[in-house]
Amino acid sequence: MPARKAINQRNHENAQKRGGGVAKIAIGADSDSRAATDPMDDDLGPDFVVAMREELSRLMQLLPDERLREIAALKLEGYTSGEIARKLGVVERTVERKLGLIRAHWRPEETEV
């Protein structure tokens, strides 16, 4: 029975929806994985960086209030909803609701064909 469980676990982990057994990139302290995932290795020229900053500024201006901008900035910095909630002194559901509003403001408008 343990052998069957091990086989089932391996099949579960190698399922197509979990990557189909493709090796995952480890992000950690060893130098090889860091070099493979370091964004500074990408060939991002100064024009790209300027364009990204302008786009971020444009998106932030689409938000109607400062609280939404603050939540968006914290989320972009990598904070979880729980961390943002604690930082702002609100419940996590409030942060999730505000993130929904942010997504709605940032959703691309449908163009008519």
PDB file of N, CA and C in Angstrom:
ATOM      1  N   MET A   1       0.810  -1.201   0.000  1.00  0.00           N
ATOM      2  CA  MET A   1       0.000   0.000   0.000  1.00  0.00           C
ATOM      3  C   MET A   1       0.864   1.281   0.000  1.00  0.00           C
ATOM      4  N   PRO A   2       1.932   1.363   0.805  1.00  0.00           N
ATOM      5  CA  PRO A   2       2.768   2.567   0.745  1.00  0.00           C
ATOM      6  C   PRO A   2       3.378   2.789  -0.632  1.00  0.00           C
ATOM      7  N   ALA A   3       3.705   1.719  -1.345  1.00  0.00           N
ATOM      8  CA  ALA A   3       4.273   1.866  -2.690  1.00  0.00           C
ATOM      9  C   ALA A   3       3.243   2.492  -3.621  1.00  0.00           C
ATOM     10  N   ARG A   4       1.998   2.091  -3.509  1.00  0.00           N
ATOM     11  CA  ARG A   4       0.942   2.676  -4.341  1.00  0.00           C
ATOM     12  C   ARG A   4       0.750   4.162  -4.025  1.00  0.00           C
ATOM     13  N   LYS A   5       0.804   4.482  -2.746  1.00  0.00           N
ATOM     14  CA  LYS A   5       0.666   5.893  -2.355  1.00  0.00           C
ATOM     15  C   LYS A   5       1.804   6.729  -2.927  1.00  0.00           C
ATOM     16  N   ALA A   6       3.004   6.181  -2.910  1.00  0.00           N
ATOM     17  CA  ALA A   6       4.158   6.900  -3.459  1.00  0.00           C
ATOM     18  C   ALA A   6       3.994   7.091  -4.964  1.00  0.00           C
ATOM     19  N   ILE A   7       3.513   6.051  -5.651  1.00  0.00           N
ATOM     20  CA  ILE A   7       3.300   6.156  -7.094  1.00  0.00           C
ATOM     21  C   ILE A   7       2.224   7.185  -7.389  1.00  0.00           C
ATOM     22  N   ASN A   8       1.135   7.154  -6.637  1.00  0.00           N
ATOM     23  CA  ASN A   8       0.061   8.133  -6.827  1.00  0.00           C
ATOM     24  C   ASN A   8       0.550   9.552  -6.576  1.00  0.00           C
ATOM     25  N   GLN A   9       1.375   9.734  -5.547  1.00  0.00           N
ATOM     26  CA  GLN A   9       1.918  11.057  -5.240  1.00  0.00           C
ATOM     27  C   GLN A   9       2.801  11.551  -6.382  1.00  0.00           C
ATOM     28  N   ARG A  10       3.663  10.660  -6.912  1.00  0.00           N
ATOM     29  CA  ARG A  10       4.520  11.032  -8.036  1.00  0.00           C
ATOM     30  C   ARG A  10       3.681  11.401  -9.259  1.00  0.00           C
ATOM     31  N   ASN A  11       2.657  10.612  -9.547  1.00  0.00           N
ATOM     32  CA  ASN A  11       1.781  10.919 -10.687  1.00  0.00           C
ATOM     33  C   ASN A  11       1.064  12.248 -10.485  1.00  0.00           C
ATOM     34  N   HIS A  12       0.653  12.502  -9.261  1.00  0.00           N
ATOM     35  CA  HIS A  12      -0.020  13.772  -8.940  1.00  0.00           C
ATOM     36  C   HIS A  12       0.920  14.956  -9.180  1.00  0.00           C
ATOM     37  N   GLU A  13       2.152  14.852  -8.723  1.00  0.00           N
ATOM     38  CA  GLU A  13       3.121  15.928  -8.881  1.00  0.00           C
ATOM     39  C   GLU A  13       3.539  16.121 -10.338  1.00  0.00           C
ATOM     40  N   ASN A  14       3.527  15.049 -11.122  1.00  0.00           N
ATOM     41  CA  ASN A  14       3.937  15.142 -12.520  1.00  0.00           C
ATOM     42  C   ASN A  14       2.769  15.373 -13.469  1.00  0.00           C
ATOM     43  N   ALA A  15       1.599  15.663 -12.934  1.00  0.00           N
ATOM     44  CA  ALA A  15       0.428  15.916 -13.772  1.00  0.00           C
ATOM     45  C   ALA A  15       0.675  17.131 -14.659  1.00  0.00           C
ATOM     46  N   GLN A  16       0.039  17.143 -15.821  1.00  0.00           N
ATOM     47  CA  GLN A  16       0.227  18.212 -16.792  1.00  0.00           C
ATOM     48  C   GLN A  16      -0.082  19.573 -16.185  1.00  0.00           C
ATOM     49  N   LYS A  17      -1.142  19.669 -15.373  1.00  0.00           N
ATOM     50  CA  LYS A  17      -1.504  20.965 -14.804  1.00  0.00           C
ATOM     51  C   LYS A  17      -0.510  21.444 -13.747  1.00  0.00           C
ATOM     52  N   ARG A  18       0.403  20.590 -13.333  1.00  0.00           N
ATOM     53  CA  ARG A  18       1.433  20.989 -12.381  1.00  0.00           C
ATOM     54  C   ARG A  18       2.798  21.100 -13.054  1.00  0.00           C
ATOM     55  N   GLY A  19       2.800  21.225 -14.361  1.00  0.00           N
ATOM     56  CA  GLY A  19       4.048  21.406 -15.079  1.00  0.00           C
ATOM     57  C   GLY A  19       4.518  20.182 -15.829  1.00  0.00           C
ATOM     58  N   GLY A  20       3.847  19.066 -15.676  1.00  0.00           N
ATOM     59  CA  GLY A  20       4.186  17.867 -16.426  1.00  0.00           C
ATOM     60  C   GLY A  20       5.556  17.310 -16.125  1.00  0.00           C
ATOM     61  N   GLY A  21       6.043  17.487 -14.903  1.00  0.00           N
ATOM     62  CA  GLY A  21       7.338  16.934 -14.526  1.00  0.00           C
ATOM     63  C   GLY A  21       8.520  17.785 -14.927  1.00  0.00           C
ATOM     64  N   VAL A  22       8.291  18.975 -15.477  1.00  0.00           N
ATOM     65  CA  VAL A  22       9.374  19.871 -15.861  1.00  0.00           C
ATOM     66  C   VAL A  22      10.080  20.365 -14.606  1.00  0.00           C
ATOM     67  N   ALA A  23      11.385  20.382 -14.634  1.00  0.00           N
ATOM     68  CA  ALA A  23      12.147  20.835 -13.476  1.00  0.00           C
ATOM     69  C   ALA A  23      11.836  22.300 -13.178  1.00  0.00           C
ATOM     70  N   LYS A  24      11.646  22.577 -11.922  1.00  0.00           N
ATOM     71  CA  LYS A  24      11.331  23.944 -11.509  1.00  0.00           C
ATOM     72  C   LYS A  24      12.617  24.714 -11.243  1.00  0.00           C
ATOM     73  N   ILE A  25      12.580  26.013 -11.507  1.00  0.00           N
ATOM     74  CA  ILE A  25      13.734  26.868 -11.242  1.00  0.00           C
ATOM     75  C   ILE A  25      13.720  27.213  -9.759  1.00  0.00           C
ATOM     76  N   ALA A  26      14.793  26.905  -9.087  1.00  0.00           N
ATOM     77  CA  ALA A  26      14.905  27.225  -7.675  1.00  0.00           C
ATOM     78  C   ALA A  26      15.424  28.643  -7.527  1.00  0.00           C
ATOM     79  N   ILE A  27      14.737  29.402  -6.701  1.00  0.00           N
ATOM     80  CA  ILE A  27      15.206  30.750  -6.404  1.00  0.00           C
ATOM     81  C   ILE A  27      15.685  30.714  -4.966  1.00  0.00           C
ATOM     82  N   GLY A  28      16.963  30.862  -4.787  1.00  0.00           N
ATOM     83  CA  GLY A  28      17.494  30.742  -3.451  1.00  0.00           C
ATOM     84  C   GLY A  28      18.865  31.345  -3.334  1.00  0.00           C
ATOM     85  N   ALA A  29      19.607  30.846  -2.361  1.00  0.00           N
ATOM     86  CA  ALA A  29      20.904  31.430  -2.035  1.00  0.00           C
ATOM     87  C   ALA A  29      22.020  30.960  -2.952  1.00  0.00           C
ATOM     88  N   ASP A  30      21.852  29.776  -3.603  1.00  0.00           N
ATOM     89  CA  ASP A  30      22.975  29.314  -4.415  1.00  0.00           C
ATOM     90  C   ASP A  30      23.133  30.177  -5.659  1.00  0.00           C
ATOM     91  N   SER A  31      24.351  30.325  -6.091  1.00  0.00           N
ATOM     92  CA  SER A  31      24.669  31.293  -7.143  1.00  0.00           C
ATOM     93  C   SER A  31      24.096  30.907  -8.498  1.00  0.00           C
ATOM     94  N   ASP A  32      23.998  29.614  -8.812  1.00  0.00           N
ATOM     95  CA  ASP A  32      23.503  29.204 -10.127  1.00  0.00           C
ATOM     96  C   ASP A  32      22.049  29.607 -10.334  1.00  0.00           C
ATOM     97  N   SER A  33      21.192  29.347  -9.329  1.00  0.00           N
ATOM     98  CA  SER A  33      19.777  29.692  -9.498  1.00  0.00           C
ATOM     99  C   SER A  33      19.599  31.203  -9.503  1.00  0.00           C
ATOM    100  N   ARG A  34      20.396  31.914  -8.742  1.00  0.00           N
ATOM    101  CA  ARG A  34      20.279  33.374  -8.701  1.00  0.00           C
ATOM    102  C   ARG A  34      20.665  33.987 -10.040  1.00  0.00           C
ATOM    103  N   ALA A  35      21.709  33.461 -10.646  1.00  0.00           N
ATOM    104  CA  ALA A  35      22.151  33.993 -11.928  1.00  0.00           C
ATOM    105  C   ALA A  35      21.103  33.736 -13.006  1.00  0.00           C
ATOM    106  N   ALA A  36      20.397  32.620 -12.908  1.00  0.00           N
ATOM    107  CA  ALA A  36      19.407  32.285 -13.924  1.00  0.00           C
ATOM    108  C   ALA A  36      18.146  33.135 -13.798  1.00  0.00           C
ATOM    109  N   THR A  37      17.881  33.686 -12.623  1.00  0.00           N
ATOM    110  CA  THR A  37      16.632  34.422 -12.419  1.00  0.00           C
ATOM    111  C   THR A  37      16.852  35.889 -12.093  1.00  0.00           C
ATOM    112  N   ASP A  38      18.070  36.369 -12.181  1.00  0.00           N
ATOM    113  CA  ASP A  38      18.353  37.757 -11.844  1.00  0.00           C
ATOM    114  C   ASP A  38      17.823  38.675 -12.936  1.00  0.00           C
ATOM    115  N   PRO A  39      16.870  39.570 -12.602  1.00  0.00           N
ATOM    116  CA  PRO A  39      16.323  40.447 -13.628  1.00  0.00           C
ATOM    117  C   PRO A  39      17.350  41.408 -14.213  1.00  0.00           C
ATOM    118  N   MET A  40      18.450  41.645 -13.527  1.00  0.00           N
ATOM    119  CA  MET A  40      19.462  42.549 -14.044  1.00  0.00           C
ATOM    120  C   MET A  40      20.191  41.932 -15.239  1.00  0.00           C
ATOM    121  N   ASP A  41      20.094  40.588 -15.386  1.00  0.00           N
ATOM    122  CA  ASP A  41      20.718  39.935 -16.529  1.00  0.00           C
ATOM    123  C   ASP A  41      19.945  40.169 -17.814  1.00  0.00           C
ATOM    124  N   ASP A  42      18.673  40.530 -17.692  1.00  0.00           N
ATOM    125  CA  ASP A  42      17.875  40.804 -18.884  1.00  0.00           C
ATOM    126  C   ASP A  42      18.425  42.047 -19.566  1.00  0.00           C
ATOM    127  N   ASP A  43      18.233  42.117 -20.842  1.00  0.00           N
ATOM    128  CA  ASP A  43      18.711  43.270 -21.598  1.00  0.00           C
ATOM    129  C   ASP A  43      17.620  44.336 -21.610  1.00  0.00           C
ATOM    130  N   LEU A  44      17.410  44.965 -20.464  1.00  0.00           N
ATOM    131  CA  LEU A  44      16.417  46.018 -20.338  1.00  0.00           C
ATOM    132  C   LEU A  44      17.142  47.350 -20.432  1.00  0.00           C
ATOM    133  N   GLY A  45      16.943  48.006 -21.534  1.00  0.00           N
ATOM    134  CA  GLY A  45      17.605  49.279 -21.741  1.00  0.00           C
ATOM    135  C   GLY A  45      16.913  50.390 -20.975  1.00  0.00           C
ATOM    136  N   PRO A  46      17.513  51.557 -20.947  1.00  0.00           N
ATOM    137  CA  PRO A  46      16.934  52.694 -20.234  1.00  0.00           C
ATOM    138  C   PRO A  46      15.591  53.120 -20.821  1.00  0.00           C
ATOM    139  N   ASP A  47      15.396  52.918 -22.124  1.00  0.00           N
ATOM    140  CA  ASP A  47      14.112  53.267 -22.738  1.00  0.00           C
ATOM    141  C   ASP A  47      12.988  52.410 -22.155  1.00  0.00           C
ATOM    142  N   PHE A  48      13.268  51.125 -21.941  1.00  0.00           N
ATOM    143  CA  PHE A  48      12.275  50.230 -21.376  1.00  0.00           C
ATOM    144  C   PHE A  48      11.918  50.646 -19.953  1.00  0.00           C
ATOM    145  N   VAL A  49      12.927  50.966 -19.161  1.00  0.00           N
ATOM    146  CA  VAL A  49      12.695  51.371 -17.770  1.00  0.00           C
ATOM    147  C   VAL A  49      11.854  52.647 -17.721  1.00  0.00           C
ATOM    148  N   VAL A  50      12.169  53.610 -18.571  1.00  0.00           N
ATOM    149  CA  VAL A  50      11.403  54.857 -18.629  1.00  0.00           C
ATOM    150  C   VAL A  50       9.958  54.570 -19.028  1.00  0.00           C
ATOM    151  N   ALA A  51       9.775  53.707 -20.023  1.00  0.00           N
ATOM    152  CA  ALA A  51       8.422  53.365 -20.467  1.00  0.00           C
ATOM    153  C   ALA A  51       7.625  52.695 -19.348  1.00  0.00           C
ATOM    154  N   MET A  52       8.275  51.822 -18.584  1.00  0.00           N
ATOM    155  CA  MET A  52       7.592  51.145 -17.475  1.00  0.00           C
ATOM    156  C   MET A  52       7.204  52.134 -16.378  1.00  0.00           C
ATOM    157  N   ARG A  53       8.092  53.079 -16.079  1.00  0.00           N
ATOM    158  CA  ARG A  53       7.772  54.091 -15.061  1.00  0.00           C
ATOM    159  C   ARG A  53       6.609  54.968 -15.504  1.00  0.00           C
ATOM    160  N   GLU A  54       6.604  55.342 -16.789  1.00  0.00           N
ATOM    161  CA  GLU A  54       5.501  56.157 -17.310  1.00  0.00           C
ATOM    162  C   GLU A  54       4.183  55.399 -17.260  1.00  0.00           C
ATOM    163  N   GLU A  55       4.220  54.110 -17.594  1.00  0.00           N
ATOM    164  CA  GLU A  55       3.003  53.297 -17.559  1.00  0.00           C
ATOM    165  C   GLU A  55       2.500  53.131 -16.130  1.00  0.00           C
ATOM    166  N   LEU A  56       3.408  52.923 -15.194  1.00  0.00           N
ATOM    167  CA  LEU A  56       3.009  52.815 -13.792  1.00  0.00           C
ATOM    168  C   LEU A  56       2.389  54.124 -13.313  1.00  0.00           C
ATOM    169  N   SER A  57       2.980  55.230 -13.684  1.00  0.00           N
ATOM    170  CA  SER A  57       2.433  56.538 -13.309  1.00  0.00           C
ATOM    171  C   SER A  57       1.043  56.725 -13.899  1.00  0.00           C
ATOM    172  N   ARG A  58       0.866  56.333 -15.159  1.00  0.00           N
ATOM    173  CA  ARG A  58      -0.440  56.457 -15.805  1.00  0.00           C
ATOM    174  C   ARG A  58      -1.486  55.598 -15.103  1.00  0.00           C
ATOM    175  N   LEU A  59      -1.107  54.370 -14.754  1.00  0.00           N
ATOM    176  CA  LEU A  59      -2.044  53.483 -14.066  1.00  0.00           C
ATOM    177  C   LEU A  59      -2.411  54.020 -12.690  1.00  0.00           C
ATOM    178  N   MET A  60      -1.438  54.560 -11.982  1.00  0.00           N
ATOM    179  CA  MET A  60      -1.729  55.114 -10.658  1.00  0.00           C
ATOM    180  C   MET A  60      -2.667  56.314 -10.749  1.00  0.00           C
ATOM    181  N   GLN A  61      -2.518  57.115 -11.814  1.00  0.00           N
ATOM    182  CA  GLN A  61      -3.395  58.271 -11.988  1.00  0.00           C
ATOM    183  C   GLN A  61      -4.828  57.857 -12.301  1.00  0.00           C
ATOM    184  N   LEU A  62      -5.027  56.643 -12.795  1.00  0.00           N
ATOM    185  CA  LEU A  62      -6.372  56.159 -13.066  1.00  0.00           C
ATOM    186  C   LEU A  62      -7.156  55.871 -11.787  1.00  0.00           C
ATOM    187  N   LEU A  63      -6.426  55.678 -10.697  1.00  0.00           N
ATOM    188  CA  LEU A  63      -7.088  55.365  -9.425  1.00  0.00           C
ATOM    189  C   LEU A  63      -7.637  56.640  -8.801  1.00  0.00           C
ATOM    190  N   PRO A  64      -8.908  56.604  -8.347  1.00  0.00           N
ATOM    191  CA  PRO A  64      -9.564  57.830  -7.901  1.00  0.00           C
ATOM    192  C   PRO A  64      -9.150  58.335  -6.519  1.00  0.00           C
ATOM    193  N   ASP A  65      -8.572  57.469  -5.677  1.00  0.00           N
ATOM    194  CA  ASP A  65      -8.221  57.985  -4.356  1.00  0.00           C
ATOM    195  C   ASP A  65      -6.862  57.484  -3.880  1.00  0.00           C
ATOM    196  N   GLU A  66      -6.290  58.217  -2.961  1.00  0.00           N
ATOM    197  CA  GLU A  66      -4.928  57.971  -2.486  1.00  0.00           C
ATOM    198  C   GLU A  66      -4.807  56.607  -1.807  1.00  0.00           C
ATOM    199  N   ARG A  67      -5.852  56.156  -1.118  1.00  0.00           N
ATOM    200  CA  ARG A  67      -5.810  54.863  -0.424  1.00  0.00           C
ATOM    201  C   ARG A  67      -5.634  53.730  -1.441  1.00  0.00           C
ATOM    202  N   LEU A  68      -6.344  53.815  -2.567  1.00  0.00           N
ATOM    203  CA  LEU A  68      -6.192  52.801  -3.604  1.00  0.00           C
ATOM    204  C   LEU A  68      -4.770  52.816  -4.169  1.00  0.00           C
ATOM    205  N   ARG A  69      -4.214  53.999  -4.347  1.00  0.00           N
ATOM    206  CA  ARG A  69      -2.830  54.093  -4.848  1.00  0.00           C
ATOM    207  C   ARG A  69      -1.858  53.457  -3.856  1.00  0.00           C
ATOM    208  N   GLU A  70      -2.096  53.700  -2.577  1.00  0.00           N
ATOM    209  CA  GLU A  70      -1.222  53.147  -1.536  1.00  0.00           C
ATOM    210  C   GLU A  70      -1.287  51.615  -1.539  1.00  0.00           C
ATOM    211  N   ILE A  71      -2.504  51.077  -1.623  1.00  0.00           N
ATOM    212  CA  ILE A  71      -2.672  49.620  -1.635  1.00  0.00           C
ATOM    213  C   ILE A  71      -2.031  49.036  -2.884  1.00  0.00           C
ATOM    214  N   ALA A  72      -2.231  49.665  -4.029  1.00  0.00           N
ATOM    215  CA  ALA A  72      -1.637  49.181  -5.276  1.00  0.00           C
ATOM    216  C   ALA A  72      -0.114  49.180  -5.180  1.00  0.00           C
ATOM    217  N   ALA A  73       0.452  50.240  -4.644  1.00  0.00           N
ATOM    218  CA  ALA A  73       1.912  50.329  -4.520  1.00  0.00           C
ATOM    219  C   ALA A  73       2.446  49.233  -3.606  1.00  0.00           C
ATOM    220  N   LEU A  74       1.775  48.997  -2.479  1.00  0.00           N
ATOM    221  CA  LEU A  74       2.222  47.955  -1.561  1.00  0.00           C
ATOM    222  C   LEU A  74       2.118  46.574  -2.202  1.00  0.00           C
ATOM    223  N   LYS A  75       1.050  46.338  -2.944  1.00  0.00           N
ATOM    224  CA  LYS A  75       0.878  45.045  -3.610  1.00  0.00           C
ATOM    225  C   LYS A  75       1.963  44.849  -4.669  1.00  0.00           C
ATOM    226  N   LEU A  76       2.280  45.909  -5.409  1.00  0.00           N
ATOM    227  CA  LEU A  76       3.338  45.817  -6.417  1.00  0.00           C
ATOM    228  C   LEU A  76       4.709  45.602  -5.786  1.00  0.00           C
ATOM    229  N   GLU A  77       4.874  46.044  -4.557  1.00  0.00           N
ATOM    230  CA  GLU A  77       6.135  45.823  -3.842  1.00  0.00           C
ATOM    231  C   GLU A  77       6.241  44.403  -3.312  1.00  0.00           C
ATOM    232  N   GLY A  78       5.144  43.628  -3.396  1.00  0.00           N
ATOM    233  CA  GLY A  78       5.202  42.225  -3.003  1.00  0.00           C
ATOM    234  C   GLY A  78       4.567  41.897  -1.666  1.00  0.00           C
ATOM    235  N   TYR A  79       3.929  42.861  -1.023  1.00  0.00           N
ATOM    236  CA  TYR A  79       3.260  42.578   0.236  1.00  0.00           C
ATOM    237  C   TYR A  79       2.021  41.724  -0.006  1.00  0.00           C
ATOM    238  N   THR A  80       1.700  40.842   0.946  1.00  0.00           N
ATOM    239  CA  THR A  80       0.472  40.063   0.858  1.00  0.00           C
ATOM    240  C   THR A  80      -0.689  40.922   1.327  1.00  0.00           C
ATOM    241  N   SER A  81      -1.895  40.466   1.035  1.00  0.00           N
ATOM    242  CA  SER A  81      -3.073  41.213   1.463  1.00  0.00           C
ATOM    243  C   SER A  81      -3.133  41.327   2.980  1.00  0.00           C
ATOM    244  N   GLY A  82      -2.745  40.270   3.684  1.00  0.00           N
ATOM    245  CA  GLY A  82      -2.731  40.302   5.144  1.00  0.00           C
ATOM    246  C   GLY A  82      -1.736  41.321   5.682  1.00  0.00           C
ATOM    247  N   GLU A  83      -0.570  41.385   5.073  1.00  0.00           N
ATOM    248  CA  GLU A  83       0.443  42.355   5.501  1.00  0.00           C
ATOM    249  C   GLU A  83      -0.027  43.783   5.235  1.00  0.00           C
ATOM    250  N   ILE A  84      -0.668  43.983   4.089  1.00  0.00           N
ATOM    251  CA  ILE A  84      -1.179  45.321   3.772  1.00  0.00           C
ATOM    252  C   ILE A  84      -2.261  45.706   4.776  1.00  0.00           C
ATOM    253  N   ALA A  85      -3.133  44.769   5.101  1.00  0.00           N
ATOM    254  CA  ALA A  85      -4.209  45.040   6.056  1.00  0.00           C
ATOM    255  C   ALA A  85      -3.643  45.444   7.415  1.00  0.00           C
ATOM    256  N   ARG A  86      -2.651  44.709   7.879  1.00  0.00           N
ATOM    257  CA  ARG A  86      -2.042  45.058   9.176  1.00  0.00           C
ATOM    258  C   ARG A  86      -1.373  46.420   9.110  1.00  0.00           C
ATOM    259  N   LYS A  87      -0.687  46.688   8.015  1.00  0.00           N
ATOM    260  CA  LYS A  87       0.024  47.961   7.861  1.00  0.00           C
ATOM    261  C   LYS A  87      -0.940  49.148   7.858  1.00  0.00           C
ATOM    262  N   LEU A  88      -2.126  48.969   7.237  1.00  0.00           N
ATOM    263  CA  LEU A  88      -3.100  50.055   7.128  1.00  0.00           C
ATOM    264  C   LEU A  88      -4.126  50.061   8.257  1.00  0.00           C
ATOM    265  N   GLY A  89      -4.118  49.030   9.100  1.00  0.00           N
ATOM    266  CA  GLY A  89      -5.051  48.967  10.224  1.00  0.00           C
ATOM    267  C   GLY A  89      -6.482  48.654   9.805  1.00  0.00           C
ATOM    268  N   VAL A  90      -6.630  47.819   8.771  1.00  0.00           N
ATOM    269  CA  VAL A  90      -7.958  47.406   8.315  1.00  0.00           C
ATOM    270  C   VAL A  90      -7.978  45.875   8.253  1.00  0.00           C
ATOM    271  N   VAL A  91      -9.163  45.312   8.000  1.00  0.00           N
ATOM    272  CA  VAL A  91      -9.242  43.859   7.873  1.00  0.00           C
ATOM    273  C   VAL A  91      -8.833  43.450   6.462  1.00  0.00           C
ATOM    274  N   GLU A  92      -8.423  42.197   6.325  1.00  0.00           N
ATOM    275  CA  GLU A  92      -7.913  41.709   5.044  1.00  0.00           C
ATOM    276  C   GLU A  92      -8.979  41.775   3.953  1.00  0.00           C
ATOM    277  N   ARG A  93     -10.236  41.540   4.313  1.00  0.00           N
ATOM    278  CA  ARG A  93     -11.316  41.593   3.317  1.00  0.00           C
ATOM    279  C   ARG A  93     -11.420  42.984   2.683  1.00  0.00           C
ATOM    280  N   THR A  94     -11.154  44.029   3.461  1.00  0.00           N
ATOM    281  CA  THR A  94     -11.168  45.392   2.923  1.00  0.00           C
ATOM    282  C   THR A  94     -10.097  45.548   1.853  1.00  0.00           C
ATOM    283  N   VAL A  95      -8.919  45.010   2.123  1.00  0.00           N
ATOM    284  CA  VAL A  95      -7.828  45.090   1.153  1.00  0.00           C
ATOM    285  C   VAL A  95      -8.202  44.324  -0.111  1.00  0.00           C
ATOM    286  N   GLU A  96      -8.784  43.133   0.042  1.00  0.00           N
ATOM    287  CA  GLU A  96      -9.192  42.348  -1.120  1.00  0.00           C
ATOM    288  C   GLU A  96     -10.245  43.087  -1.947  1.00  0.00           C
ATOM    289  N   ARG A  97     -11.183  43.722  -1.271  1.00  0.00           N
ATOM    290  CA  ARG A  97     -12.220  44.486  -1.966  1.00  0.00           C
ATOM    291  C   ARG A  97     -11.599  45.654  -2.740  1.00  0.00           C
ATOM    292  N   LYS A  98     -10.671  46.350  -2.097  1.00  0.00           N
ATOM    293  CA  LYS A  98     -10.006  47.481  -2.752  1.00  0.00           C
ATOM    294  C   LYS A  98      -9.156  47.004  -3.937  1.00  0.00           C
ATOM    295  N   LEU A  99      -8.536  45.834  -3.823  1.00  0.00           N
ATOM    296  CA  LEU A  99      -7.767  45.283  -4.945  1.00  0.00           C
ATOM    297  C   LEU A  99      -8.689  44.979  -6.125  1.00  0.00           C
ATOM    298  N   GLY A 100      -9.910  44.547  -5.823  1.00  0.00           N
ATOM    299  CA  GLY A 100     -10.887  44.344  -6.886  1.00  0.00           C
ATOM    300  C   GLY A 100     -11.226  45.644  -7.592  1.00  0.00           C
ATOM    301  N   LEU A 101     -11.359  46.730  -6.821  1.00  0.00           N
ATOM    302  CA  LEU A 101     -11.613  48.046  -7.412  1.00  0.00           C
ATOM    303  C   LEU A 101     -10.438  48.493  -8.280  1.00  0.00           C
ATOM    304  N   ILE A 102      -9.234  48.248  -7.796  1.00  0.00           N
ATOM    305  CA  ILE A 102      -8.028  48.615  -8.550  1.00  0.00           C
ATOM    306  C   ILE A 102      -8.006  47.863  -9.876  1.00  0.00           C
ATOM    307  N   ARG A 103      -8.283  46.561  -9.822  1.00  0.00           N
ATOM    308  CA  ARG A 103      -8.296  45.765 -11.061  1.00  0.00           C
ATOM    309  C   ARG A 103      -9.349  46.288 -12.028  1.00  0.00           C
ATOM    310  N   ALA A 104     -10.498  46.686 -11.496  1.00  0.00           N
ATOM    311  CA  ALA A 104     -11.566  47.205 -12.351  1.00  0.00           C
ATOM    312  C   ALA A 104     -11.141  48.509 -13.029  1.00  0.00           C
ATOM    313  N   HIS A 105     -10.422  49.362 -12.314  1.00  0.00           N
ATOM    314  CA  HIS A 105      -9.948  50.615 -12.909  1.00  0.00           C
ATOM    315  C   HIS A 105      -8.843  50.370 -13.930  1.00  0.00           C
ATOM    316  N   TRP A 106      -8.049  49.327 -13.711  1.00  0.00           N
ATOM    317  CA  TRP A 106      -6.931  49.050 -14.591  1.00  0.00           C
ATOM    318  C   TRP A 106      -7.301  48.140 -15.752  1.00  0.00           C
ATOM    319  N   ARG A 107      -8.496  47.547 -15.718  1.00  0.00           N
ATOM    320  CA  ARG A 107      -8.903  46.639 -16.792  1.00  0.00           C
ATOM    321  C   ARG A 107      -8.946  47.409 -18.105  1.00  0.00           C
ATOM    322  N   PRO A 108      -8.328  46.852 -19.145  1.00  0.00           N
ATOM    323  CA  PRO A 108      -8.342  47.564 -20.421  1.00  0.00           C
ATOM    324  C   PRO A 108      -9.776  47.695 -20.938  1.00  0.00           C
ATOM    325  N   GLU A 109     -10.074  48.864 -21.446  1.00  0.00           N
ATOM    326  CA  GLU A 109     -11.403  49.083 -21.983  1.00  0.00           C
ATOM    327  C   GLU A 109     -11.540  48.310 -23.283  1.00  0.00           C
ATOM    328  N   GLU A 110     -12.725  47.730 -23.469  1.00  0.00           N
ATOM    329  CA  GLU A 110     -12.953  46.940 -24.680  1.00  0.00           C
ATOM    330  C   GLU A 110     -13.061  47.882 -25.867  1.00  0.00           C
ATOM    331  N   THR A 111     -12.337  47.532 -26.894  1.00  0.00           N
ATOM    332  CA  THR A 111     -12.384  48.355 -28.112  1.00  0.00           C
ATOM    333  C   THR A 111     -13.384  47.741 -29.070  1.00  0.00           C
ATOM    334  N   GLU A 112     -14.128  48.591 -29.743  1.00  0.00           N
ATOM    335  CA  GLU A 112     -15.113  48.115 -30.697  1.00  0.00           C
ATOM    336  C   GLU A 112     -14.440  47.889 -32.036  1.00  0.00           C
ATOM    337  N   VAL A 113     -14.798  46.789 -32.660  1.00  0.00           N
ATOM    338  CA  VAL A 113     -14.187  46.421 -33.942  1.00  0.00           C
ATOM    339  C   VAL A 113     -15.074  46.820 -35.088  1.00  0.00           C
TER     340      VAL A 113
END
